[in-house]
Amino acid sequence: MTDIEMVIAYLRPDKLSEVKQSLSEVGAPSLTVSNVSGRGSQPVKKGQWRGEEYSVDLHQKVKLECVVADIPSEDVAEAIADAAHTGESGDGKVFVLPVAEAYQIRTGEVGPDAV
């Protein structure tokens, strides 16, 4: 295990509020959120518009990134997974990656102090 790790999660947009609350409770310092589209195990949705049939195979998701150094990444990953869980296909995934180095641009701090 390295000193700095990044937790990346892909989850349903409607679960973001619950995940943010859960991260706050475990003391996760900061996060970045992006709207993304993706395809996984979620079934393809079919629809019809003006007589033409179409399929939606890219679903809207939220990508959440959280870099941690002072708290265990396992706690962050579990907090995300517990808050985002619905038990249905398309709940999302959580990944934990090592971070080689971190630099705080404003202060010049390096390593875990930069996080």
PDB file of N, CA and C in Angstrom:
ATOM      1  N   MET A   1       0.843  -1.187   0.000  1.00  0.00           N
ATOM      2  CA  MET A   1       0.000   0.000   0.000  1.00  0.00           C
ATOM      3  C   MET A   1       0.882   1.242   0.000  1.00  0.00           C
ATOM      4  N   THR A   2       0.578   2.198  -0.870  1.00  0.00           N
ATOM      5  CA  THR A   2       1.327   3.444  -0.908  1.00  0.00           C
ATOM      6  C   THR A   2       0.726   4.432   0.083  1.00  0.00           C
ATOM      7  N   ASP A   3       1.416   5.548   0.276  1.00  0.00           N
ATOM      8  CA  ASP A   3       0.926   6.572   1.190  1.00  0.00           C
ATOM      9  C   ASP A   3      -0.269   7.320   0.626  1.00  0.00           C
ATOM     10  N   ILE A   4      -0.331   7.434  -0.698  1.00  0.00           N
ATOM     11  CA  ILE A   4      -1.409   8.178  -1.353  1.00  0.00           C
ATOM     12  C   ILE A   4      -2.140   7.235  -2.300  1.00  0.00           C
ATOM     13  N   GLU A   5      -3.465   7.242  -2.233  1.00  0.00           N
ATOM     14  CA  GLU A   5      -4.270   6.418  -3.135  1.00  0.00           C
ATOM     15  C   GLU A   5      -5.437   7.221  -3.685  1.00  0.00           C
ATOM     16  N   MET A   6      -5.866   6.849  -4.879  1.00  0.00           N
ATOM     17  CA  MET A   6      -7.016   7.482  -5.505  1.00  0.00           C
ATOM     18  C   MET A   6      -8.148   6.465  -5.582  1.00  0.00           C
ATOM     19  N   VAL A   7      -9.297   6.867  -5.096  1.00  0.00           N
ATOM     20  CA  VAL A   7     -10.499   6.049  -5.196  1.00  0.00           C
ATOM     21  C   VAL A   7     -11.343   6.645  -6.306  1.00  0.00           C
ATOM     22  N   ILE A   8     -11.651   5.827  -7.312  1.00  0.00           N
ATOM     23  CA  ILE A   8     -12.468   6.251  -8.440  1.00  0.00           C
ATOM     24  C   ILE A   8     -13.741   5.415  -8.426  1.00  0.00           C
ATOM     25  N   ALA A   9     -14.870   6.076  -8.530  1.00  0.00           N
ATOM     26  CA  ALA A   9     -16.144   5.366  -8.532  1.00  0.00           C
ATOM     27  C   ALA A   9     -17.011   5.858  -9.677  1.00  0.00           C
ATOM     28  N   TYR A  10     -17.725   4.930 -10.285  1.00  0.00           N
ATOM     29  CA  TYR A  10     -18.732   5.230 -11.296  1.00  0.00           C
ATOM     30  C   TYR A  10     -20.065   4.810 -10.693  1.00  0.00           C
ATOM     31  N   LEU A  11     -21.012   5.732 -10.604  1.00  0.00           N
ATOM     32  CA  LEU A  11     -22.257   5.412  -9.934  1.00  0.00           C
ATOM     33  C   LEU A  11     -23.434   6.139 -10.571  1.00  0.00           C
ATOM     34  N   ARG A  12     -24.610   5.773 -10.123  1.00  0.00           N
ATOM     35  CA  ARG A  12     -25.848   6.387 -10.619  1.00  0.00           C
ATOM     36  C   ARG A  12     -25.914   7.842 -10.164  1.00  0.00           C
ATOM     37  N   PRO A  13     -26.336   8.747 -11.043  1.00  0.00           N
ATOM     38  CA  PRO A  13     -26.415  10.161 -10.657  1.00  0.00           C
ATOM     39  C   PRO A  13     -27.310  10.425  -9.451  1.00  0.00           C
ATOM     40  N   ASP A  14     -28.385   9.659  -9.323  1.00  0.00           N
ATOM     41  CA  ASP A  14     -29.314   9.891  -8.221  1.00  0.00           C
ATOM     42  C   ASP A  14     -28.759   9.460  -6.863  1.00  0.00           C
ATOM     43  N   LYS A  15     -27.628   8.766  -6.829  1.00  0.00           N
ATOM     44  CA  LYS A  15     -27.020   8.329  -5.573  1.00  0.00           C
ATOM     45  C   LYS A  15     -25.912   9.272  -5.103  1.00  0.00           C
ATOM     46  N   LEU A  16     -25.610  10.313  -5.882  1.00  0.00           N
ATOM     47  CA  LEU A  16     -24.498  11.201  -5.548  1.00  0.00           C
ATOM     48  C   LEU A  16     -24.663  11.865  -4.188  1.00  0.00           C
ATOM     49  N   SER A  17     -25.836  12.342  -3.880  1.00  0.00           N
ATOM     50  CA  SER A  17     -26.069  13.018  -2.611  1.00  0.00           C
ATOM     51  C   SER A  17     -25.785  12.094  -1.424  1.00  0.00           C
ATOM     52  N   GLU A  18     -26.262  10.865  -1.501  1.00  0.00           N
ATOM     53  CA  GLU A  18     -26.032   9.894  -0.429  1.00  0.00           C
ATOM     54  C   GLU A  18     -24.549   9.552  -0.304  1.00  0.00           C
ATOM     55  N   VAL A  19     -23.859   9.441  -1.436  1.00  0.00           N
ATOM     56  CA  VAL A  19     -22.429   9.128  -1.427  1.00  0.00           C
ATOM     57  C   VAL A  19     -21.638  10.278  -0.812  1.00  0.00           C
ATOM     58  N   LYS A  20     -21.975  11.522  -1.166  1.00  0.00           N
ATOM     59  CA  LYS A  20     -21.285  12.678  -0.579  1.00  0.00           C
ATOM     60  C   LYS A  20     -21.468  12.707   0.936  1.00  0.00           C
ATOM     61  N   GLN A  21     -22.663  12.413   1.415  1.00  0.00           N
ATOM     62  CA  GLN A  21     -22.926  12.377   2.854  1.00  0.00           C
ATOM     63  C   GLN A  21     -22.103  11.277   3.520  1.00  0.00           C
ATOM     64  N   SER A  22     -22.047  10.124   2.896  1.00  0.00           N
ATOM     65  CA  SER A  22     -21.284   9.001   3.433  1.00  0.00           C
ATOM     66  C   SER A  22     -19.787   9.311   3.483  1.00  0.00           C
ATOM     67  N   LEU A  23     -19.267   9.972   2.447  1.00  0.00           N
ATOM     68  CA  LEU A  23     -17.856  10.359   2.425  1.00  0.00           C
ATOM     69  C   LEU A  23     -17.555  11.386   3.509  1.00  0.00           C
ATOM     70  N   SER A  24     -18.473  12.277   3.746  1.00  0.00           N
ATOM     71  CA  SER A  24     -18.306  13.271   4.802  1.00  0.00           C
ATOM     72  C   SER A  24     -18.201  12.593   6.167  1.00  0.00           C
ATOM     73  N   GLU A  25     -18.989  11.556   6.370  1.00  0.00           N
ATOM     74  CA  GLU A  25     -18.983  10.841   7.648  1.00  0.00           C
ATOM     75  C   GLU A  25     -17.674  10.101   7.912  1.00  0.00           C
ATOM     76  N   VAL A  26     -16.981   9.627   6.854  1.00  0.00           N
ATOM     77  CA  VAL A  26     -15.698   8.937   7.051  1.00  0.00           C
ATOM     78  C   VAL A  26     -14.519   9.903   7.004  1.00  0.00           C
ATOM     79  N   GLY A  27     -14.796  11.182   6.743  1.00  0.00           N
ATOM     80  CA  GLY A  27     -13.741  12.191   6.759  1.00  0.00           C
ATOM     81  C   GLY A  27     -12.947  12.315   5.484  1.00  0.00           C
ATOM     82  N   ALA A  28     -13.523  11.927   4.350  1.00  0.00           N
ATOM     83  CA  ALA A  28     -12.833  12.079   3.069  1.00  0.00           C
ATOM     84  C   ALA A  28     -12.654  13.569   2.800  1.00  0.00           C
ATOM     85  N   PRO A  29     -11.432  14.013   2.548  1.00  0.00           N
ATOM     86  CA  PRO A  29     -11.141  15.445   2.498  1.00  0.00           C
ATOM     87  C   PRO A  29     -11.702  16.195   1.298  1.00  0.00           C
ATOM     88  N   SER A  30     -11.656  15.608   0.137  1.00  0.00           N
ATOM     89  CA  SER A  30     -12.098  16.315  -1.060  1.00  0.00           C
ATOM     90  C   SER A  30     -12.482  15.314  -2.131  1.00  0.00           C
ATOM     91  N   LEU A  31     -13.194  15.808  -3.132  1.00  0.00           N
ATOM     92  CA  LEU A  31     -13.568  14.928  -4.231  1.00  0.00           C
ATOM     93  C   LEU A  31     -13.800  15.740  -5.487  1.00  0.00           C
ATOM     94  N   THR A  32     -13.731  15.056  -6.607  1.00  0.00           N
ATOM     95  CA  THR A  32     -14.023  15.642  -7.907  1.00  0.00           C
ATOM     96  C   THR A  32     -15.129  14.818  -8.534  1.00  0.00           C
ATOM     97  N   VAL A  33     -16.116  15.480  -9.101  1.00  0.00           N
ATOM     98  CA  VAL A  33     -17.264  14.800  -9.698  1.00  0.00           C
ATOM     99  C   VAL A  33     -17.386  15.217 -11.157  1.00  0.00           C
ATOM    100  N   SER A  34     -17.582  14.233 -12.045  1.00  0.00           N
ATOM    101  CA  SER A  34     -17.778  14.484 -13.472  1.00  0.00           C
ATOM    102  C   SER A  34     -18.979  13.695 -13.956  1.00  0.00           C
ATOM    103  N   ASN A  35     -19.706  14.251 -14.916  1.00  0.00           N
ATOM    104  CA  ASN A  35     -20.785  13.513 -15.559  1.00  0.00           C
ATOM    105  C   ASN A  35     -20.194  12.758 -16.740  1.00  0.00           C
ATOM    106  N   VAL A  36     -20.447  11.457 -16.804  1.00  0.00           N
ATOM    107  CA  VAL A  36     -19.911  10.612 -17.866  1.00  0.00           C
ATOM    108  C   VAL A  36     -21.009   9.701 -18.400  1.00  0.00           C
ATOM    109  N   SER A  37     -20.756   9.082 -19.541  1.00  0.00           N
ATOM    110  CA  SER A  37     -21.643   8.066 -20.107  1.00  0.00           C
ATOM    111  C   SER A  37     -20.851   6.782 -20.219  1.00  0.00           C
ATOM    112  N   GLY A  38     -21.519   5.658 -20.026  1.00  0.00           N
ATOM    113  CA  GLY A  38     -20.800   4.403 -20.114  1.00  0.00           C
ATOM    114  C   GLY A  38     -21.721   3.227 -20.319  1.00  0.00           C
ATOM    115  N   ARG A  39     -21.092   2.098 -20.571  1.00  0.00           N
ATOM    116  CA  ARG A  39     -21.828   0.859 -20.797  1.00  0.00           C
ATOM    117  C   ARG A  39     -21.182  -0.233 -19.968  1.00  0.00           C
ATOM    118  N   GLY A  40     -21.997  -0.973 -19.247  1.00  0.00           N
ATOM    119  CA  GLY A  40     -21.506  -2.076 -18.433  1.00  0.00           C
ATOM    120  C   GLY A  40     -22.496  -3.214 -18.495  1.00  0.00           C
ATOM    121  N   SER A  41     -22.857  -3.718 -17.336  1.00  0.00           N
ATOM    122  CA  SER A  41     -23.785  -4.845 -17.291  1.00  0.00           C
ATOM    123  C   SER A  41     -25.247  -4.411 -17.341  1.00  0.00           C
ATOM    124  N   GLN A  42     -25.487  -3.107 -17.312  1.00  0.00           N
ATOM    125  CA  GLN A  42     -26.850  -2.593 -17.374  1.00  0.00           C
ATOM    126  C   GLN A  42     -27.461  -2.916 -18.735  1.00  0.00           C
ATOM    127  N   PRO A  43     -28.707  -3.374 -18.770  1.00  0.00           N
ATOM    128  CA  PRO A  43     -29.314  -3.742 -20.056  1.00  0.00           C
ATOM    129  C   PRO A  43     -29.530  -2.542 -20.966  1.00  0.00           C
ATOM    130  N   VAL A  44     -29.532  -2.822 -22.262  1.00  0.00           N
ATOM    131  CA  VAL A  44     -29.786  -1.790 -23.272  1.00  0.00           C
ATOM    132  C   VAL A  44     -31.263  -1.412 -23.212  1.00  0.00           C
ATOM    133  N   LYS A  45     -31.537  -0.104 -23.222  1.00  0.00           N
ATOM    134  CA  LYS A  45     -32.921   0.365 -23.231  1.00  0.00           C
ATOM    135  C   LYS A  45     -33.324   0.637 -24.664  1.00  0.00           C
ATOM    136  N   LYS A  46     -34.516   0.198 -25.033  1.00  0.00           N
ATOM    137  CA  LYS A  46     -35.026   0.423 -26.373  1.00  0.00           C
ATOM    138  C   LYS A  46     -36.178   1.416 -26.303  1.00  0.00           C
ATOM    139  N   GLY A  47     -36.283   2.235 -27.329  1.00  0.00           N
ATOM    140  CA  GLY A  47     -37.358   3.208 -27.388  1.00  0.00           C
ATOM    141  C   GLY A  47     -37.768   3.456 -28.816  1.00  0.00           C
ATOM    142  N   GLN A  48     -38.764   4.297 -28.973  1.00  0.00           N
ATOM    143  CA  GLN A  48     -39.227   4.621 -30.310  1.00  0.00           C
ATOM    144  C   GLN A  48     -39.508   6.118 -30.362  1.00  0.00           C
ATOM    145  N   TRP A  49     -39.047   6.737 -31.438  1.00  0.00           N
ATOM    146  CA  TRP A  49     -39.251   8.164 -31.624  1.00  0.00           C
ATOM    147  C   TRP A  49     -39.564   8.422 -33.084  1.00  0.00           C
ATOM    148  N   ARG A  50     -40.714   9.035 -33.330  1.00  0.00           N
ATOM    149  CA  ARG A  50     -41.193   9.329 -34.692  1.00  0.00           C
ATOM    150  C   ARG A  50     -41.166   8.093 -35.595  1.00  0.00           C
ATOM    151  N   GLY A  51     -41.597   7.010 -35.039  1.00  0.00           N
ATOM    152  CA  GLY A  51     -41.705   5.783 -35.813  1.00  0.00           C
ATOM    153  C   GLY A  51     -40.411   4.996 -35.959  1.00  0.00           C
ATOM    154  N   GLU A  52     -39.309   5.540 -35.514  1.00  0.00           N
ATOM    155  CA  GLU A  52     -38.016   4.860 -35.613  1.00  0.00           C
ATOM    156  C   GLU A  52     -37.639   4.275 -34.258  1.00  0.00           C
ATOM    157  N   GLU A  53     -37.215   3.037 -34.287  1.00  0.00           N
ATOM    158  CA  GLU A  53     -36.765   2.400 -33.052  1.00  0.00           C
ATOM    159  C   GLU A  53     -35.297   2.732 -32.818  1.00  0.00           C
ATOM    160  N   TYR A  54     -34.950   3.002 -31.565  1.00  0.00           N
ATOM    161  CA  TYR A  54     -33.558   3.279 -31.224  1.00  0.00           C
ATOM    162  C   TYR A  54     -33.216   2.565 -29.919  1.00  0.00           C
ATOM    163  N   SER A  55     -31.934   2.401 -29.682  1.00  0.00           N
ATOM    164  CA  SER A  55     -31.498   1.776 -28.430  1.00  0.00           C
ATOM    165  C   SER A  55     -30.485   2.684 -27.745  1.00  0.00           C
ATOM    166  N   VAL A  56     -30.594   2.722 -26.437  1.00  0.00           N
ATOM    167  CA  VAL A  56     -29.681   3.509 -25.613  1.00  0.00           C
ATOM    168  C   VAL A  56     -28.770   2.518 -24.891  1.00  0.00           C
ATOM    169  N   ASP A  57     -27.509   2.463 -25.326  1.00  0.00           N
ATOM    170  CA  ASP A  57     -26.585   1.536 -24.676  1.00  0.00           C
ATOM    171  C   ASP A  57     -25.521   2.252 -23.855  1.00  0.00           C
ATOM    172  N   LEU A  58     -25.508   3.583 -23.916  1.00  0.00           N
ATOM    173  CA  LEU A  58     -24.629   4.363 -23.054  1.00  0.00           C
ATOM    174  C   LEU A  58     -25.495   5.052 -22.002  1.00  0.00           C
ATOM    175  N   HIS A  59     -25.261   4.721 -20.751  1.00  0.00           N
ATOM    176  CA  HIS A  59     -26.079   5.230 -19.654  1.00  0.00           C
ATOM    177  C   HIS A  59     -25.352   6.358 -18.937  1.00  0.00           C
ATOM    178  N   GLN A  60     -26.113   7.315 -18.444  1.00  0.00           N
ATOM    179  CA  GLN A  60     -25.536   8.432 -17.706  1.00  0.00           C
ATOM    180  C   GLN A  60     -25.036   7.949 -16.349  1.00  0.00           C
ATOM    181  N   LYS A  61     -23.814   8.315 -16.022  1.00  0.00           N
ATOM    182  CA  LYS A  61     -23.202   7.954 -14.746  1.00  0.00           C
ATOM    183  C   LYS A  61     -22.496   9.176 -14.182  1.00  0.00           C
ATOM    184  N   VAL A  62     -22.088   9.079 -12.949  1.00  0.00           N
ATOM    185  CA  VAL A  62     -21.273  10.094 -12.301  1.00  0.00           C
ATOM    186  C   VAL A  62     -19.936   9.433 -11.972  1.00  0.00           C
ATOM    187  N   LYS A  63     -18.850  10.118 -12.344  1.00  0.00           N
ATOM    188  CA  LYS A  63     -17.508   9.642 -11.996  1.00  0.00           C
ATOM    189  C   LYS A  63     -17.040  10.472 -10.813  1.00  0.00           C
ATOM    190  N   LEU A  64     -16.672   9.797  -9.750  1.00  0.00           N
ATOM    191  CA  LEU A  64     -16.239  10.452  -8.536  1.00  0.00           C
ATOM    192  C   LEU A  64     -14.790  10.062  -8.270  1.00  0.00           C
ATOM    193  N   GLU A  65     -13.932  11.039  -8.025  1.00  0.00           N
ATOM    194  CA  GLU A  65     -12.527  10.784  -7.723  1.00  0.00           C
ATOM    195  C   GLU A  65     -12.208  11.388  -6.367  1.00  0.00           C
ATOM    196  N   CYS A  66     -11.518  10.615  -5.554  1.00  0.00           N
ATOM    197  CA  CYS A  66     -11.159  11.066  -4.214  1.00  0.00           C
ATOM    198  C   CYS A  66      -9.742  10.574  -3.916  1.00  0.00           C
ATOM    199  N   VAL A  67      -8.818  11.505  -3.676  1.00  0.00           N
ATOM    200  CA  VAL A  67      -7.438  11.150  -3.353  1.00  0.00           C
ATOM    201  C   VAL A  67      -7.280  11.245  -1.843  1.00  0.00           C
ATOM    202  N   VAL A  68      -6.769  10.170  -1.235  1.00  0.00           N
ATOM    203  CA  VAL A  68      -6.637  10.123   0.218  1.00  0.00           C
ATOM    204  C   VAL A  68      -5.212   9.751   0.625  1.00  0.00           C
ATOM    205  N   ALA A  69      -4.797  10.292   1.759  1.00  0.00           N
ATOM    206  CA  ALA A  69      -3.495   9.953   2.317  1.00  0.00           C
ATOM    207  C   ALA A  69      -3.604   9.665   3.811  1.00  0.00           C
ATOM    208  N   ASP A  70      -4.463  10.398   4.508  1.00  0.00           N
ATOM    209  CA  ASP A  70      -4.565  10.280   5.965  1.00  0.00           C
ATOM    210  C   ASP A  70      -5.606   9.275   6.428  1.00  0.00           C
ATOM    211  N   ILE A  71      -6.537   8.924   5.568  1.00  0.00           N
ATOM    212  CA  ILE A  71      -7.554   7.943   5.948  1.00  0.00           C
ATOM    213  C   ILE A  71      -7.444   6.742   5.019  1.00  0.00           C
ATOM    214  N   PRO A  72      -7.794   5.553   5.503  1.00  0.00           N
ATOM    215  CA  PRO A  72      -7.671   4.347   4.668  1.00  0.00           C
ATOM    216  C   PRO A  72      -8.582   4.396   3.445  1.00  0.00           C
ATOM    217  N   SER A  73      -8.016   4.060   2.296  1.00  0.00           N
ATOM    218  CA  SER A  73      -8.801   4.052   1.066  1.00  0.00           C
ATOM    219  C   SER A  73      -9.907   3.000   1.129  1.00  0.00           C
ATOM    220  N   GLU A  74      -9.715   1.952   1.909  1.00  0.00           N
ATOM    221  CA  GLU A  74     -10.747   0.923   2.057  1.00  0.00           C
ATOM    222  C   GLU A  74     -12.003   1.516   2.693  1.00  0.00           C
ATOM    223  N   ASP A  75     -11.824   2.414   3.674  1.00  0.00           N
ATOM    224  CA  ASP A  75     -12.970   3.056   4.318  1.00  0.00           C
ATOM    225  C   ASP A  75     -13.739   3.918   3.315  1.00  0.00           C
ATOM    226  N   VAL A  76     -13.003   4.627   2.464  1.00  0.00           N
ATOM    227  CA  VAL A  76     -13.622   5.478   1.450  1.00  0.00           C
ATOM    228  C   VAL A  76     -14.376   4.617   0.435  1.00  0.00           C
ATOM    229  N   ALA A  77     -13.738   3.543  -0.039  1.00  0.00           N
ATOM    230  CA  ALA A  77     -14.370   2.665  -1.024  1.00  0.00           C
ATOM    231  C   ALA A  77     -15.629   2.017  -0.459  1.00  0.00           C
ATOM    232  N   GLU A  78     -15.572   1.570   0.792  1.00  0.00           N
ATOM    233  CA  GLU A  78     -16.742   0.953   1.416  1.00  0.00           C
ATOM    234  C   GLU A  78     -17.859   1.963   1.628  1.00  0.00           C
ATOM    235  N   ALA A  79     -17.502   3.190   2.000  1.00  0.00           N
ATOM    236  CA  ALA A  79     -18.518   4.228   2.190  1.00  0.00           C
ATOM    237  C   ALA A  79     -19.245   4.507   0.876  1.00  0.00           C
ATOM    238  N   ILE A  80     -18.493   4.573  -0.213  1.00  0.00           N
ATOM    239  CA  ILE A  80     -19.101   4.807  -1.527  1.00  0.00           C
ATOM    240  C   ILE A  80     -20.000   3.630  -1.910  1.00  0.00           C
ATOM    241  N   ALA A  81     -19.470   2.421  -1.781  1.00  0.00           N
ATOM    242  CA  ALA A  81     -20.222   1.223  -2.182  1.00  0.00           C
ATOM    243  C   ALA A  81     -21.503   1.066  -1.361  1.00  0.00           C
ATOM    244  N   ASP A  82     -21.422   1.312  -0.063  1.00  0.00           N
ATOM    245  CA  ASP A  82     -22.612   1.168   0.783  1.00  0.00           C
ATOM    246  C   ASP A  82     -23.679   2.202   0.433  1.00  0.00           C
ATOM    247  N   ALA A  83     -23.258   3.438   0.186  1.00  0.00           N
ATOM    248  CA  ALA A  83     -24.215   4.503  -0.106  1.00  0.00           C
ATOM    249  C   ALA A  83     -24.810   4.381  -1.502  1.00  0.00           C
ATOM    250  N   ALA A  84     -24.058   3.831  -2.455  1.00  0.00           N
ATOM    251  CA  ALA A  84     -24.520   3.748  -3.842  1.00  0.00           C
ATOM    252  C   ALA A  84     -25.287   2.469  -4.143  1.00  0.00           C
ATOM    253  N   HIS A  85     -25.309   1.529  -3.222  1.00  0.00           N
ATOM    254  CA  HIS A  85     -25.908   0.216  -3.470  1.00  0.00           C
ATOM    255  C   HIS A  85     -27.427   0.277  -3.561  1.00  0.00           C
ATOM    256  N   THR A  86     -27.975  -0.288  -4.649  1.00  0.00           N
ATOM    257  CA  THR A  86     -29.423  -0.471  -4.776  1.00  0.00           C
ATOM    258  C   THR A  86     -29.763  -1.946  -4.963  1.00  0.00           C
ATOM    259  N   GLY A  87     -28.771  -2.737  -5.340  1.00  0.00           N
ATOM    260  CA  GLY A  87     -29.004  -4.153  -5.590  1.00  0.00           C
ATOM    261  C   GLY A  87     -29.420  -4.444  -7.020  1.00  0.00           C
ATOM    262  N   GLU A  88     -29.496  -3.407  -7.845  1.00  0.00           N
ATOM    263  CA  GLU A  88     -29.899  -3.588  -9.235  1.00  0.00           C
ATOM    264  C   GLU A  88     -28.696  -3.471 -10.155  1.00  0.00           C
ATOM    265  N   SER A  89     -28.858  -3.978 -11.365  1.00  0.00           N
ATOM    266  CA  SER A  89     -27.825  -3.852 -12.374  1.00  0.00           C
ATOM    267  C   SER A  89     -27.587  -2.381 -12.663  1.00  0.00           C
ATOM    268  N   GLY A  90     -26.318  -1.985 -12.785  1.00  0.00           N
ATOM    269  CA  GLY A  90     -25.993  -0.598 -13.083  1.00  0.00           C
ATOM    270  C   GLY A  90     -25.645   0.237 -11.864  1.00  0.00           C
ATOM    271  N   ASP A  91     -25.452  -0.399 -10.705  1.00  0.00           N
ATOM    272  CA  ASP A  91     -25.081   0.337  -9.492  1.00  0.00           C
ATOM    273  C   ASP A  91     -23.726   1.025  -9.636  1.00  0.00           C
ATOM    274  N   GLY A  92     -22.821   0.436 -10.392  1.00  0.00           N
ATOM    275  CA  GLY A  92     -21.525   1.058 -10.624  1.00  0.00           C
ATOM    276  C   GLY A  92     -20.363   0.238 -10.115  1.00  0.00           C
ATOM    277  N   LYS A  93     -19.189   0.857 -10.104  1.00  0.00           N
ATOM    278  CA  LYS A  93     -17.958   0.191  -9.686  1.00  0.00           C
ATOM    279  C   LYS A  93     -17.109   1.171  -8.890  1.00  0.00           C
ATOM    280  N   VAL A  94     -16.222   0.629  -8.045  1.00  0.00           N
ATOM    281  CA  VAL A  94     -15.262   1.426  -7.290  1.00  0.00           C
ATOM    282  C   VAL A  94     -13.885   0.828  -7.530  1.00  0.00           C
ATOM    283  N   PHE A  95     -12.908   1.692  -7.832  1.00  0.00           N
ATOM    284  CA  PHE A  95     -11.531   1.265  -8.061  1.00  0.00           C
ATOM    285  C   PHE A  95     -10.618   2.028  -7.111  1.00  0.00           C
ATOM    286  N   VAL A  96      -9.576   1.352  -6.620  1.00  0.00           N
ATOM    287  CA  VAL A  96      -8.573   1.989  -5.770  1.00  0.00           C
ATOM    288  C   VAL A  96      -7.223   1.848  -6.469  1.00  0.00           C
ATOM    289  N   LEU A  97      -6.570   2.998  -6.720  1.00  0.00           N
ATOM    290  CA  LEU A  97      -5.308   3.021  -7.450  1.00  0.00           C
ATOM    291  C   LEU A  97      -4.227   3.717  -6.623  1.00  0.00           C
ATOM    292  N   PRO A  98      -2.981   3.234  -6.702  1.00  0.00           N
ATOM    293  CA  PRO A  98      -1.894   3.951  -6.031  1.00  0.00           C
ATOM    294  C   PRO A  98      -1.560   5.231  -6.787  1.00  0.00           C
ATOM    295  N   VAL A  99      -1.177   6.259  -6.051  1.00  0.00           N
ATOM    296  CA  VAL A  99      -0.746   7.528  -6.638  1.00  0.00           C
ATOM    297  C   VAL A  99       0.747   7.651  -6.386  1.00  0.00           C
ATOM    298  N   ALA A 100       1.523   7.821  -7.450  1.00  0.00           N
ATOM    299  CA  ALA A 100       2.982   7.885  -7.330  1.00  0.00           C
ATOM    300  C   ALA A 100       3.436   9.114  -6.565  1.00  0.00           C
ATOM    301  N   GLU A 101       2.840  10.257  -6.856  1.00  0.00           N
ATOM    302  CA  GLU A 101       3.260  11.500  -6.198  1.00  0.00           C
ATOM    303  C   GLU A 101       2.154  12.527  -6.309  1.00  0.00           C
ATOM    304  N   ALA A 102       2.142  13.477  -5.384  1.00  0.00           N
ATOM    305  CA  ALA A 102       1.172  14.562  -5.404  1.00  0.00           C
ATOM    306  C   ALA A 102       1.900  15.877  -5.137  1.00  0.00           C
ATOM    307  N   TYR A 103       1.479  16.921  -5.836  1.00  0.00           N
ATOM    308  CA  TYR A 103       2.070  18.247  -5.677  1.00  0.00           C
ATOM    309  C   TYR A 103       0.962  19.258  -5.425  1.00  0.00           C
ATOM    310  N   GLN A 104       1.090  20.055  -4.390  1.00  0.00           N
ATOM    311  CA  GLN A 104       0.162  21.144  -4.123  1.00  0.00           C
ATOM    312  C   GLN A 104       0.728  22.387  -4.809  1.00  0.00           C
ATOM    313  N   ILE A 105       0.055  22.865  -5.822  1.00  0.00           N
ATOM    314  CA  ILE A 105       0.573  23.961  -6.635  1.00  0.00           C
ATOM    315  C   ILE A 105       0.721  25.244  -5.809  1.00  0.00           C
ATOM    316  N   ARG A 106      -0.291  25.574  -5.032  1.00  0.00           N
ATOM    317  CA  ARG A 106      -0.276  26.843  -4.293  1.00  0.00           C
ATOM    318  C   ARG A 106       0.851  26.902  -3.262  1.00  0.00           C
ATOM    319  N   THR A 107       1.025  25.816  -2.474  1.00  0.00           N
ATOM    320  CA  THR A 107       1.993  25.860  -1.365  1.00  0.00           C
ATOM    321  C   THR A 107       3.332  25.223  -1.686  1.00  0.00           C
ATOM    322  N   GLY A 108       3.372  24.413  -2.740  1.00  0.00           N
ATOM    323  CA  GLY A 108       4.600  23.712  -3.081  1.00  0.00           C
ATOM    324  C   GLY A 108       4.815  22.433  -2.291  1.00  0.00           C
ATOM    325  N   GLU A 109       3.830  22.033  -1.490  1.00  0.00           N
ATOM    326  CA  GLU A 109       3.962  20.790  -0.725  1.00  0.00           C
ATOM    327  C   GLU A 109       3.961  19.592  -1.662  1.00  0.00           C
ATOM    328  N   VAL A 110       4.677  18.543  -1.234  1.00  0.00           N
ATOM    329  CA  VAL A 110       4.827  17.335  -2.031  1.00  0.00           C
ATOM    330  C   VAL A 110       4.473  16.133  -1.163  1.00  0.00           C
ATOM    331  N   GLY A 111       3.921  15.088  -1.812  1.00  0.00           N
ATOM    332  CA  GLY A 111       3.619  13.850  -1.121  1.00  0.00           C
ATOM    333  C   GLY A 111       2.320  13.927  -0.356  1.00  0.00           C
ATOM    334  N   PRO A 112       2.189  13.135   0.736  1.00  0.00           N
ATOM    335  CA  PRO A 112       0.935  13.113   1.496  1.00  0.00           C
ATOM    336  C   PRO A 112       0.520  14.491   2.042  1.00  0.00           C
ATOM    337  N   ASP A 113       1.474  15.365   2.315  1.00  0.00           N
ATOM    338  CA  ASP A 113       1.137  16.697   2.795  1.00  0.00           C
ATOM    339  C   ASP A 113       0.399  17.516   1.736  1.00  0.00           C
ATOM    340  N   ALA A 114       0.595  17.185   0.477  1.00  0.00           N
ATOM    341  CA  ALA A 114      -0.068  17.911  -0.613  1.00  0.00           C
ATOM    342  C   ALA A 114      -1.530  17.538  -0.734  1.00  0.00           C
ATOM    343  N   VAL A 115      -1.895  16.382  -0.217  1.00  0.00           N
ATOM    344  CA  VAL A 115      -3.272  15.912  -0.320  1.00  0.00           C
ATOM    345  C   VAL A 115      -4.092  16.579   0.760  1.00  0.00           C
TER     346      VAL A 115
END
